[in-house]
Amino acid sequence: MASGPPSPRTDVLTDPGRVAAARRLLAEASAGVHDRLAQLAARLTQAPAALVCLVTDAEVPVGSCGLPASVVSGPLPLAGSPCAVTVGLGVPVAAPDAAQDERLASLPAAVDGSLVACLGVPLRARSGQVVGALAVFDGVRRDWSPDQVASLEQLAASVAAELELSAARSAADASLMRLELALEAGAVGTWEVDLRRHTIVWDERCASIFGHDATVLLGMDRLFAEHVHPDDRERAQQEMQAAIDALAQYAVELRVVRTDGRVRWTISRGRVLAGPDGGPARIVGTVVDVTEAHEQADRELDAVRRAAAIAEVAAELAGATRVTQLAEIALRAAAVLGAESIGLAVFDPRDDELYLHLTRRIVDTVASAADLQLPSGGVQTPLDDELPTQWVARHGEPLLFPDAAEVEARFPRMAEVNAVLGTRALAALPLRVEGRLLGSFVVVWTTEHAFPDRDVELLEGLTAQLALTASRLRADTVRADAVAAMTEATARLQLLADAGRVLSGTLDVTRQVGQLADVVVPTLADWCWLVVSDEQGRLHEMASAHRDPALRAELELYVHSMVAVMTDEAAAPVVTRTGRPLVLPRIDAARVARSIPEPATRALLGRLGPDSGVVVPLVARGQSLGALGLFNGAERGPHTPAEVETAVEVGRRAGLALHHARLYGQQRELAGALQHSMLTAPPEPASCEIVVRYVPAAEGAEIGGDWYDAFLEPGGTTVLAIGDVVGHDVAAAAAMGQLRGLLRGISYSSGAPPAQVLTQVDRAMRGLGLDTMATAVVARLEQQDADLRADRTLLRWSSAGHPPPVLLLPDGRVHVLDDDLPDLLLGVDPSAARRDRVAVLPAGSTVLLYTDGLVERRDRDLDAGSAQLVAALTEYAALPLADLCDRVLERLFLPDAEDDVALLAVRLHSRARPRSPEPGTAS
């Protein structure tokens, strides 16, 4: 038996990437579409039968001749397939006699003699993966010549190219059909996501939708955080991830936030592209602003079709691997304008020469007219100004010629070119990326062609896409330099954005500077410290950060020691005094000795290994409030001018944030002092204990309208009151003071029940012109008649739209006294009827009065807040009254609360052992 190569590898046949590549081509190739290629293969090899097949998890014929219908009518198992052998080996398989070839001898067809001579060559997809085979067969033994093998391989390349073309054309047609339905599209931008770097690139049109005026590169996290509406963010991420997981296309309609804050509706379409390993590598797509109502539907439909051509070309360009492919790809977009051929001239970074790449029509025309074979790598073009191609590539100015006479008048040598190509109109546009000229893009027509604005726009968009792709395909070193420069600039902008976010996220100075230190390290330095001056001008350490977590504790120790021992020549006091940055390209021992006289502290600094640094002031309104020190080791080197500029800006923003935080603290202390001055201490009656609390809102420094009061009437009855004036400003506080005084005076002088007191207060407000509204609860603690139980007290209260009292019984049970709706607010209708409610309180009971800020917030409704209050009182029932109030506030009042809270709690002294009665019902 003849020897041969090893048997086909099963891991090749089952490779997911290879199977996916084959299925991609199979999806657009129906059985029989490549019969003519099979016939050509048979003629080339003088074989009676031929087969074109794609191999996924089965052998699927897509073209044949001379084979029985049972073989080519449907998928065949791989176990008996000679084509599967070719795919598994990845090389041509030439077998004069299958039964004598160890690669094929075990196949059933070889065993039964139906397979004799065969020759199979692999079909390779654009990605290089073997997706199928082209095979010829003969019923008698025959030797296959090297020429026959070579001819079949060349034909296999054509078969693969036609399969790729069918798949690409189908994808383009499908996308065009979808985009034709988007009649509301006013502009289409293109974008590309690098899934490995997690970045997205917008072209100028896409960027303009988001408020930018140039192409943009940014991280995906920043895209979703800054430019996708919060309500659409999760859905958009889920749909994109689903497409990535499935290597599929997706479309999503969502709201985007422009840089000017305006919200626009868009439709984004994306296609996930696989990398060489078969896994998702990039997403290319389009975005359309659909906010504006479309006018002139026919014109807009035409615009969408043109934009679709750009979008489809962008998708194809994303998969281009050679500059020589760009001209043919671009022609499919320019064809909507009637263009018949295209030339693309690109500077080759290897020799800085200009090479012209032409579409197949021009190449064939030149070859036919001059019997000249053009080089496949492009035609080297002299750098002169005699033709539009090189003139535009050199000068960067677009040229539009609607007729041949005009172009020949400007460039006389074009006469001979026009004679050969039949050119009647020409457009030449520069390929430019970030100000760099990469070459020129030339489109020609065989008829005269005017250039309306929409045609120019399409050509410019197509040119921009070609420029981006040409830039990507240039030498790795050139592209790496451009990416590095952009990455550095983006990192600095991101740093400033992060610093602004940190400094605006809280008014807590300690948290601000701590988070800021973590932001600047390691982006701007290997390690840093931040010191702040107090009112006496003394510097205090506030924060530090090191890129090496193991050195953070040692850095903190150094900064603490540095602040204690540093002289006036040290960088921190110098920068704080002068308000100017200090750049230290080298940190020398002499300067360190003058700045830090203590050897132990210098030793700590030496272990941190600073080689260079920059210290910038924290400046606000002309005043320096401290300094930020940024230091690098020898490996990182000194700070660049751009980094110093960024550091100064960070210091300026930190200074302003520090100034605002200090001002806020001062204002808040003043507001709190004013508020507390209006709220008196509670009395100390013999029958009960009274505890009051007031907590101002976290936001702002205004004085609020929440208040409480407790006093004894001449007869000894304890009166409790709590209320909340509508508003949260000085006017509300002033109204609160007047209302509190009115209520106290009326109640004290009249001794009336709570409902009457509230009625009289309401009338007094109307009569005295107190133009405000308020909620309030007035309650009296009354001893029962002598014939009743001596250990019970009556709670008589009336509510003017205020949250109900809460009763904590001695046995730990909690009841909200809200058996009925409260009466009308004060300041609305003085004639409104008001009524008292009564509850019997056992000795040892606790009554809690509070304002609505305790139980109601934007993220928590009144019912939920009341339930949490009941739970807290139940948990803390056994605590002393003061501790109970403090724990309730800790549980329910959050640091970011937007409303003040007043709290008044009364606990009756125990005179007898409580018998756990139910609370009395309101009357």
Foldseek 3Di string as FASTA:
>chain_A
DDEDDDAFDVCLLQQPLLLVLLVLLVVLAAAAPCQVLQVVLCVLQVFQKKFWWFRHQWTATRYMGNDDCVVHVGTHHLQQDPFVRQLRVQAKDWALAQCPYVRRVPHPCSVVLVFTTKIKHFQAAPLRHGGTIIMGGHSHGDGGDPVSNVVRNVSSPVVNVVSVVSSLVVVLVVLLVVLLVLLLFPFKWKKKAFVVVQKMWTAQRRLVVQPDRGIDIDHNVCCLVAWFPPVCSVVVVVQVVVCQVVQAKDKDWGWTAHPVGDIFIKIKIWGFDADSSSHTGMIMIMITTNRDGDDPSVVSSLLSSLVSLLRSLLVVLVVDQALLPNFVSLCSNCVSQVFDWKKWWFQAVVVRWIFIHIDPVVQVLCCVVVVDHDDSNGHTDDQDCQALFNVCLVPQDKDWFQADVVRCVVRVVCVVVCVSVLFTIKIKGFLDDPRDTGTIMMTTHNHGHDQDPSNVVSVVSNSPSSSVSSLVNHDPVSNVVVVVVSVLVNLLVVLVVQLLCLLPVDLPLLSSVAVNQVSVPPSLAQKKWWWFADPVRQIDTRYMDGNDVVCRVLVVVLVRLLSVAFDCLDLWNVCQVVQAKDWFQADDPVSVCNGGVDPVSVVSVVVVAFGTWMKGFQDDPRHTGTIMIHTYHPVVGGGDPVSNVSRNVSSPSSSNSNVVSVVQVVLQVVLVVVQVVLADDADCAPFWDKDKDKDFALPGRFRFQWYWYWDAAPVGKIKTKTKGWPDTHPLSNVLSSVLVVQLVVQCNVPVDAAQVSLLVSLVVCVVVVVQTWMKMKMWIWAQDDPVDDRQKIKIKMAIAQFQFKWKQAQVLAIDGQPPDGHHHIRNPDSPGGTDIWMKMHGAFMKIKDKGQLQQDAPVGHNVRSVVQLRVLCSVCVPPPPVVSVVSSCVRRPDSNRPGMMMMMMMTTHHPDDDPPDDMGHID
